[in-house]
Amino acid sequence: MSAPAGRKPDEATLAFAWNLPNILTITRMVLVPVFAVVLLSHPDQEGWRIGATLVFAVAILTDFADGRIARKYNMVTNFGKIWDSIADKALTGMAFIGLSIIGELPWWLTIIVLVREWGITLMRFQVLKYGVMAAKQGGKLKTFLQSIALILFLLWLPGLGAWYVVISWIVMGVAFLLTVVTGLDYVVDAIKLRRASLQVGHPVDYAEILRARKAHE
């Protein structure tokens, strides 16, 4: 899919790359209800749990792939900017909700995660009038740890032993803490973005402001 270094991809490759990120995003959205049905139909049966884990793993891999492909080929679209994040939140949100429905995650944890995830997403839309609030590395690490923790919980099967339960809860605990911390960090950034925009009288890119400040330090 990628062209050799120093050589531009041909038109057919570019056309496919332009469509592929959005196709992956749509695929992830379609897999959300499929994942829900597979997980909730027979959560106590080993085959169904493995199937649910595989569906989730495939879907979450599209999340890590579509953004990289779009950036590599400079094919970032408005559709991708909006729906990539929504599809991501829908998938992980369904996993948290599903695990709580079957009694394997406490509802308080799921509710806090969902409030953080959708609250920050709505906030980022609200502050667009003040400027761009780009995704940060902490948020990407949060998504990665959430994915690993959810896969570990989805694969909870008889016979895995206490060590597996302990590791699963440790990873989930770290993912939960990072979810809360990065959420607070985004709130602070939104406040700073609004303040900077009001000072100059027009929308700003807060990431650019931070880079400029570091350059002058």
C-alpha atoms as a PDB file:
ATOM      1  CA  MET A   1       0.000   0.000   0.000  1.00  0.00           C
ATOM      2  CA  SER A   2       2.821   2.418   0.739  1.00  0.00           C
ATOM      3  CA  ALA A   3       5.023   3.708  -2.021  1.00  0.00           C
ATOM      4  CA  PRO A   4       8.810   3.326  -1.914  1.00  0.00           C
ATOM      5  CA  ALA A   5      10.714   6.198  -0.323  1.00  0.00           C
ATOM      6  CA  GLY A   6      11.174   9.137  -2.690  1.00  0.00           C
ATOM      7  CA  ARG A   7       8.458   7.937  -5.026  1.00  0.00           C
ATOM      8  CA  LYS A   8       4.846   9.109  -5.105  1.00  0.00           C
ATOM      9  CA  PRO A   9       2.121   6.445  -5.129  1.00  0.00           C
ATOM     10  CA  ASP A  10       0.228   6.115  -8.376  1.00  0.00           C
ATOM     11  CA  GLU A  11      -3.317   7.462  -8.804  1.00  0.00           C
ATOM     12  CA  ALA A  12      -4.966   4.092  -8.178  1.00  0.00           C
ATOM     13  CA  THR A  13      -3.120   3.697  -4.885  1.00  0.00           C
ATOM     14  CA  LEU A  14      -4.019   7.231  -3.834  1.00  0.00           C
ATOM     15  CA  ALA A  15      -7.683   6.681  -4.687  1.00  0.00           C
ATOM     16  CA  PHE A  16      -7.761   3.505  -2.615  1.00  0.00           C
ATOM     17  CA  ALA A  17      -5.922   5.166   0.259  1.00  0.00           C
ATOM     18  CA  TRP A  18      -8.357   8.106   0.137  1.00  0.00           C
ATOM     19  CA  ASN A  19     -11.301   5.753   0.591  1.00  0.00           C
ATOM     20  CA  LEU A  20      -9.728   3.193   2.903  1.00  0.00           C
ATOM     21  CA  PRO A  21      -9.629   5.246   6.148  1.00  0.00           C
ATOM     22  CA  ASN A  22     -13.322   6.082   5.863  1.00  0.00           C
ATOM     23  CA  ILE A  23     -14.165   2.495   4.928  1.00  0.00           C
ATOM     24  CA  LEU A  24     -12.348   1.299   8.067  1.00  0.00           C
ATOM     25  CA  THR A  25     -14.250   3.812  10.188  1.00  0.00           C
ATOM     26  CA  ILE A  26     -17.586   2.673   8.738  1.00  0.00           C
ATOM     27  CA  THR A  27     -16.568  -0.957   9.259  1.00  0.00           C
ATOM     28  CA  ARG A  28     -15.884  -0.243  12.924  1.00  0.00           C
ATOM     29  CA  MET A  29     -19.319   1.336  13.300  1.00  0.00           C
ATOM     30  CA  VAL A  30     -21.000  -1.667  11.658  1.00  0.00           C
ATOM     31  CA  LEU A  31     -19.110  -4.062  13.952  1.00  0.00           C
ATOM     32  CA  VAL A  32     -20.409  -2.369  17.116  1.00  0.00           C
ATOM     33  CA  PRO A  33     -23.901  -3.990  17.012  1.00  0.00           C
ATOM     34  CA  VAL A  34     -22.351  -7.259  15.802  1.00  0.00           C
ATOM     35  CA  PHE A  35     -20.033  -7.230  18.818  1.00  0.00           C
ATOM     36  CA  ALA A  36     -22.944  -6.433  21.149  1.00  0.00           C
ATOM     37  CA  VAL A  37     -25.022  -9.368  19.890  1.00  0.00           C
ATOM     38  CA  VAL A  38     -22.125 -11.847  20.071  1.00  0.00           C
ATOM     39  CA  LEU A  39     -21.148 -10.746  23.593  1.00  0.00           C
ATOM     40  CA  LEU A  40     -24.613 -10.572  25.116  1.00  0.00           C
ATOM     41  CA  SER A  41     -26.206 -13.607  23.443  1.00  0.00           C
ATOM     42  CA  HIS A  42     -24.275 -16.267  25.371  1.00  0.00           C
ATOM     43  CA  PRO A  43     -21.728 -14.577  27.666  1.00  0.00           C
ATOM     44  CA  ASP A  44     -21.123 -17.792  29.654  1.00  0.00           C
ATOM     45  CA  GLN A  45     -20.192 -19.895  26.642  1.00  0.00           C
ATOM     46  CA  GLU A  46     -16.510 -20.072  25.765  1.00  0.00           C
ATOM     47  CA  GLY A  47     -16.954 -20.040  21.990  1.00  0.00           C
ATOM     48  CA  TRP A  48     -19.160 -16.954  22.058  1.00  0.00           C
ATOM     49  CA  ARG A  49     -16.750 -15.118  24.372  1.00  0.00           C
ATOM     50  CA  ILE A  50     -13.833 -15.862  22.078  1.00  0.00           C
ATOM     51  CA  GLY A  51     -15.953 -14.725  19.126  1.00  0.00           C
ATOM     52  CA  ALA A  52     -16.851 -11.470  20.888  1.00  0.00           C
ATOM     53  CA  THR A  53     -13.194 -10.860  21.690  1.00  0.00           C
ATOM     54  CA  LEU A  54     -12.178 -11.430  18.076  1.00  0.00           C
ATOM     55  CA  VAL A  55     -14.865  -9.058  16.768  1.00  0.00           C
ATOM     56  CA  PHE A  56     -13.770  -6.394  19.253  1.00  0.00           C
ATOM     57  CA  ALA A  57     -10.077  -6.900  18.424  1.00  0.00           C
ATOM     58  CA  VAL A  58     -10.672  -6.594  14.680  1.00  0.00           C
ATOM     59  CA  ALA A  59     -12.804  -3.497  15.183  1.00  0.00           C
ATOM     60  CA  ILE A  60     -10.297  -1.773  17.459  1.00  0.00           C
ATOM     61  CA  LEU A  61      -7.476  -2.532  15.006  1.00  0.00           C
ATOM     62  CA  THR A  62      -9.351  -0.503  12.382  1.00  0.00           C
ATOM     63  CA  ASP A  63      -9.188   2.414  14.841  1.00  0.00           C
ATOM     64  CA  PHE A  64      -5.401   2.242  14.987  1.00  0.00           C
ATOM     65  CA  ALA A  65      -5.137   1.779  11.210  1.00  0.00           C
ATOM     66  CA  ASP A  66      -7.473   4.357   9.686  1.00  0.00           C
ATOM     67  CA  GLY A  67      -5.861   7.424  11.249  1.00  0.00           C
ATOM     68  CA  ARG A  68      -2.353   6.338  10.308  1.00  0.00           C
ATOM     69  CA  ILE A  69      -3.344   5.661   6.711  1.00  0.00           C
ATOM     70  CA  ALA A  70      -5.177   8.993   6.437  1.00  0.00           C
ATOM     71  CA  ARG A  71      -2.204  10.941   7.798  1.00  0.00           C
ATOM     72  CA  LYS A  72       0.386   9.025   5.782  1.00  0.00           C
ATOM     73  CA  TYR A  73      -1.363   9.733   2.495  1.00  0.00           C
ATOM     74  CA  ASN A  74      -2.599  13.180   3.544  1.00  0.00           C
ATOM     75  CA  MET A  75      -6.170  11.954   3.146  1.00  0.00           C
ATOM     76  CA  VAL A  76      -7.714  13.372   6.317  1.00  0.00           C
ATOM     77  CA  THR A  77     -11.393  14.179   5.648  1.00  0.00           C
ATOM     78  CA  ASN A  78     -14.095  15.956   7.625  1.00  0.00           C
ATOM     79  CA  PHE A  79     -15.986  12.659   7.787  1.00  0.00           C
ATOM     80  CA  GLY A  80     -12.968  10.969   9.314  1.00  0.00           C
ATOM     81  CA  LYS A  81     -12.360  13.753  11.824  1.00  0.00           C
ATOM     82  CA  ILE A  82     -15.905  13.468  13.149  1.00  0.00           C
ATOM     83  CA  TRP A  83     -16.849   9.827  12.794  1.00  0.00           C
ATOM     84  CA  ASP A  84     -13.516   8.201  13.658  1.00  0.00           C
ATOM     85  CA  SER A  85     -13.806   9.423  17.245  1.00  0.00           C
ATOM     86  CA  ILE A  86     -17.522   8.590  17.442  1.00  0.00           C
ATOM     87  CA  ALA A  87     -16.947   5.047  16.155  1.00  0.00           C
ATOM     88  CA  ASP A  88     -14.118   4.585  18.653  1.00  0.00           C
ATOM     89  CA  LYS A  89     -16.261   5.753  21.581  1.00  0.00           C
ATOM     90  CA  ALA A  90     -19.202   3.620  20.421  1.00  0.00           C
ATOM     91  CA  LEU A  91     -17.068   0.474  20.294  1.00  0.00           C
ATOM     92  CA  THR A  92     -15.305   0.829  23.634  1.00  0.00           C
ATOM     93  CA  GLY A  93     -18.500   2.169  25.218  1.00  0.00           C
ATOM     94  CA  MET A  94     -20.425  -0.900  24.092  1.00  0.00           C
ATOM     95  CA  ALA A  95     -17.691  -3.115  25.558  1.00  0.00           C
ATOM     96  CA  PHE A  96     -17.886  -1.374  28.947  1.00  0.00           C
ATOM     97  CA  ILE A  97     -21.695  -1.456  28.943  1.00  0.00           C
ATOM     98  CA  GLY A  98     -21.792  -5.104  27.845  1.00  0.00           C
ATOM     99  CA  LEU A  99     -19.368  -6.205  30.556  1.00  0.00           C
ATOM    100  CA  SER A 100     -21.447  -4.342  33.149  1.00  0.00           C
ATOM    101  CA  ILE A 101     -24.692  -5.905  31.869  1.00  0.00           C
ATOM    102  CA  ILE A 102     -23.248  -9.397  32.344  1.00  0.00           C
ATOM    103  CA  GLY A 103     -21.944  -8.424  35.775  1.00  0.00           C
ATOM    104  CA  GLU A 104     -18.206  -8.471  35.134  1.00  0.00           C
ATOM    105  CA  LEU A 105     -17.540  -4.736  35.514  1.00  0.00           C
ATOM    106  CA  PRO A 106     -19.099  -2.443  38.139  1.00  0.00           C
ATOM    107  CA  TRP A 107     -21.589   0.037  36.720  1.00  0.00           C
ATOM    108  CA  TRP A 108     -19.952   2.979  38.538  1.00  0.00           C
ATOM    109  CA  LEU A 109     -16.722   2.409  36.578  1.00  0.00           C
ATOM    110  CA  THR A 110     -18.568   2.161  33.266  1.00  0.00           C
ATOM    111  CA  ILE A 111     -20.632   5.283  33.958  1.00  0.00           C
ATOM    112  CA  ILE A 112     -17.552   7.365  34.849  1.00  0.00           C
ATOM    113  CA  VAL A 113     -15.752   6.202  31.699  1.00  0.00           C
ATOM    114  CA  LEU A 114     -18.764   6.952  29.487  1.00  0.00           C
ATOM    115  CA  VAL A 115     -19.282  10.402  31.022  1.00  0.00           C
ATOM    116  CA  ARG A 116     -15.602  11.181  30.424  1.00  0.00           C
ATOM    117  CA  GLU A 117     -15.528   9.853  26.870  1.00  0.00           C
ATOM    118  CA  TRP A 118     -18.724  11.431  25.548  1.00  0.00           C
ATOM    119  CA  GLY A 119     -18.351  14.542  27.683  1.00  0.00           C
ATOM    120  CA  ILE A 120     -14.917  15.319  26.257  1.00  0.00           C
ATOM    121  CA  THR A 121     -16.139  14.572  22.727  1.00  0.00           C
ATOM    122  CA  LEU A 122     -19.034  17.029  23.126  1.00  0.00           C
ATOM    123  CA  MET A 123     -16.728  19.592  24.715  1.00  0.00           C
ATOM    124  CA  ARG A 124     -14.315  19.418  21.771  1.00  0.00           C
ATOM    125  CA  PHE A 125     -17.217  20.193  19.423  1.00  0.00           C
ATOM    126  CA  GLN A 126     -18.350  23.047  21.650  1.00  0.00           C
ATOM    127  CA  VAL A 127     -14.931  24.744  21.697  1.00  0.00           C
ATOM    128  CA  LEU A 128     -14.508  24.621  17.903  1.00  0.00           C
ATOM    129  CA  LYS A 129     -15.615  28.260  17.823  1.00  0.00           C
ATOM    130  CA  TYR A 130     -12.474  29.067  19.811  1.00  0.00           C
ATOM    131  CA  GLY A 131     -10.131  26.879  17.794  1.00  0.00           C
ATOM    132  CA  VAL A 132      -8.718  23.405  17.274  1.00  0.00           C
ATOM    133  CA  MET A 133      -8.041  21.170  20.266  1.00  0.00           C
ATOM    134  CA  ALA A 134      -5.985  18.339  18.842  1.00  0.00           C
ATOM    135  CA  ALA A 135      -5.760  14.834  20.272  1.00  0.00           C
ATOM    136  CA  LYS A 136      -2.864  14.311  22.653  1.00  0.00           C
ATOM    137  CA  GLN A 137      -0.519  11.399  23.283  1.00  0.00           C
ATOM    138  CA  GLY A 138      -2.118  10.778  26.668  1.00  0.00           C
ATOM    139  CA  GLY A 139      -5.476  10.283  25.004  1.00  0.00           C
ATOM    140  CA  LYS A 140      -4.004   7.827  22.524  1.00  0.00           C
ATOM    141  CA  LEU A 141      -2.319   5.884  25.342  1.00  0.00           C
ATOM    142  CA  LYS A 142      -5.647   5.864  27.190  1.00  0.00           C
ATOM    143  CA  THR A 143      -7.402   4.307  24.200  1.00  0.00           C
ATOM    144  CA  PHE A 144      -4.658   1.689  23.864  1.00  0.00           C
ATOM    145  CA  LEU A 145      -4.817   0.693  27.541  1.00  0.00           C
ATOM    146  CA  GLN A 146      -8.616   0.624  27.480  1.00  0.00           C
ATOM    147  CA  SER A 147      -8.470  -1.719  24.490  1.00  0.00           C
ATOM    148  CA  ILE A 148      -6.008  -4.091  26.196  1.00  0.00           C
ATOM    149  CA  ALA A 149      -8.031  -4.069  29.427  1.00  0.00           C
ATOM    150  CA  LEU A 150     -11.293  -4.756  27.603  1.00  0.00           C
ATOM    151  CA  ILE A 151      -9.765  -7.607  25.616  1.00  0.00           C
ATOM    152  CA  LEU A 152      -8.479  -9.152  28.858  1.00  0.00           C
ATOM    153  CA  PHE A 153     -11.954  -8.905  30.423  1.00  0.00           C
ATOM    154  CA  LEU A 154     -13.683 -10.228  27.332  1.00  0.00           C
ATOM    155  CA  LEU A 155     -11.419 -13.282  27.438  1.00  0.00           C
ATOM    156  CA  TRP A 156     -12.238 -14.144  31.042  1.00  0.00           C
ATOM    157  CA  LEU A 157     -12.774 -17.887  30.756  1.00  0.00           C
ATOM    158  CA  PRO A 158     -12.907 -20.694  33.331  1.00  0.00           C
ATOM    159  CA  GLY A 159      -9.503 -22.146  34.106  1.00  0.00           C
ATOM    160  CA  LEU A 160      -7.375 -19.090  33.440  1.00  0.00           C
ATOM    161  CA  GLY A 161      -6.531 -18.770  37.124  1.00  0.00           C
ATOM    162  CA  ALA A 162      -6.330 -15.998  39.704  1.00  0.00           C
ATOM    163  CA  TRP A 163      -3.201 -14.503  38.108  1.00  0.00           C
ATOM    164  CA  TYR A 164      -5.220 -13.613  34.985  1.00  0.00           C
ATOM    165  CA  VAL A 165      -7.911 -11.918  37.061  1.00  0.00           C
ATOM    166  CA  VAL A 166      -5.294  -9.870  38.937  1.00  0.00           C
ATOM    167  CA  ILE A 167      -3.528  -8.769  35.739  1.00  0.00           C
ATOM    168  CA  SER A 168      -6.851  -7.865  34.112  1.00  0.00           C
ATOM    169  CA  TRP A 169      -7.858  -5.656  37.041  1.00  0.00           C
ATOM    170  CA  ILE A 170      -4.437  -3.995  37.221  1.00  0.00           C
ATOM    171  CA  VAL A 171      -4.570  -3.053  33.527  1.00  0.00           C
ATOM    172  CA  MET A 172      -8.199  -1.924  33.871  1.00  0.00           C
ATOM    173  CA  GLY A 173      -7.291   0.158  36.928  1.00  0.00           C
ATOM    174  CA  VAL A 174      -4.448   1.907  35.130  1.00  0.00           C
ATOM    175  CA  ALA A 175      -6.676   2.502  32.076  1.00  0.00           C
ATOM    176  CA  PHE A 176      -9.419   3.926  34.307  1.00  0.00           C
ATOM    177  CA  LEU A 177      -7.051   6.317  36.095  1.00  0.00           C
ATOM    178  CA  LEU A 178      -5.561   7.467  32.793  1.00  0.00           C
ATOM    179  CA  THR A 179      -9.077   7.984  31.411  1.00  0.00           C
ATOM    180  CA  VAL A 180      -9.942  10.309  34.297  1.00  0.00           C
ATOM    181  CA  VAL A 181      -6.599  12.164  34.286  1.00  0.00           C
ATOM    182  CA  THR A 182      -6.581  12.785  30.531  1.00  0.00           C
ATOM    183  CA  GLY A 183     -10.194  13.926  30.734  1.00  0.00           C
ATOM    184  CA  LEU A 184      -9.259  16.575  33.294  1.00  0.00           C
ATOM    185  CA  ASP A 185      -6.278  17.540  31.133  1.00  0.00           C
ATOM    186  CA  TYR A 186      -8.574  18.145  28.149  1.00  0.00           C
ATOM    187  CA  VAL A 187     -10.819  20.348  30.292  1.00  0.00           C
ATOM    188  CA  VAL A 188      -7.800  22.462  31.300  1.00  0.00           C
ATOM    189  CA  ASP A 189      -6.723  22.708  27.653  1.00  0.00           C
ATOM    190  CA  ALA A 190     -10.237  23.791  26.631  1.00  0.00           C
ATOM    191  CA  ILE A 191     -10.175  26.589  29.202  1.00  0.00           C
ATOM    192  CA  LYS A 192      -6.747  27.749  27.981  1.00  0.00           C
ATOM    193  CA  LEU A 193      -7.872  27.529  24.354  1.00  0.00           C
ATOM    194  CA  ARG A 194     -10.907  29.716  25.051  1.00  0.00           C
ATOM    195  CA  ARG A 195      -8.764  32.235  26.929  1.00  0.00           C
ATOM    196  CA  ALA A 196      -6.192  32.393  24.109  1.00  0.00           C
ATOM    197  CA  SER A 197      -8.917  32.802  21.473  1.00  0.00           C
ATOM    198  CA  LEU A 198     -10.581  35.641  23.359  1.00  0.00           C
ATOM    199  CA  GLN A 199      -7.236  37.398  23.721  1.00  0.00           C
ATOM    200  CA  VAL A 200      -6.502  37.456  19.990  1.00  0.00           C
ATOM    201  CA  GLY A 201     -10.124  37.804  18.873  1.00  0.00           C
ATOM    202  CA  HIS A 202     -10.248  34.789  16.552  1.00  0.00           C
ATOM    203  CA  PRO A 203     -10.087  30.956  16.674  1.00  0.00           C
ATOM    204  CA  VAL A 204      -6.638  29.515  17.402  1.00  0.00           C
ATOM    205  CA  ASP A 205      -4.783  26.224  17.245  1.00  0.00           C
ATOM    206  CA  TYR A 206      -3.777  25.570  20.843  1.00  0.00           C
ATOM    207  CA  ALA A 207      -1.190  22.984  19.802  1.00  0.00           C
ATOM    208  CA  GLU A 208       0.531  25.636  17.690  1.00  0.00           C
ATOM    209  CA  ILE A 209       0.535  28.031  20.643  1.00  0.00           C
ATOM    210  CA  LEU A 210       2.199  25.422  22.856  1.00  0.00           C
ATOM    211  CA  ARG A 211       4.850  24.696  20.233  1.00  0.00           C
ATOM    212  CA  ALA A 212       5.553  28.396  19.822  1.00  0.00           C
ATOM    213  CA  ARG A 213       5.941  28.841  23.567  1.00  0.00           C
ATOM    214  CA  LYS A 214       8.355  25.903  23.789  1.00  0.00           C
ATOM    215  CA  ALA A 215      10.395  27.350  20.914  1.00  0.00           C
ATOM    216  CA  HIS A 216      10.878  30.601  22.831  1.00  0.00           C
ATOM    217  CA  GLU A 217      11.800  28.927  26.112  1.00  0.00           C
END
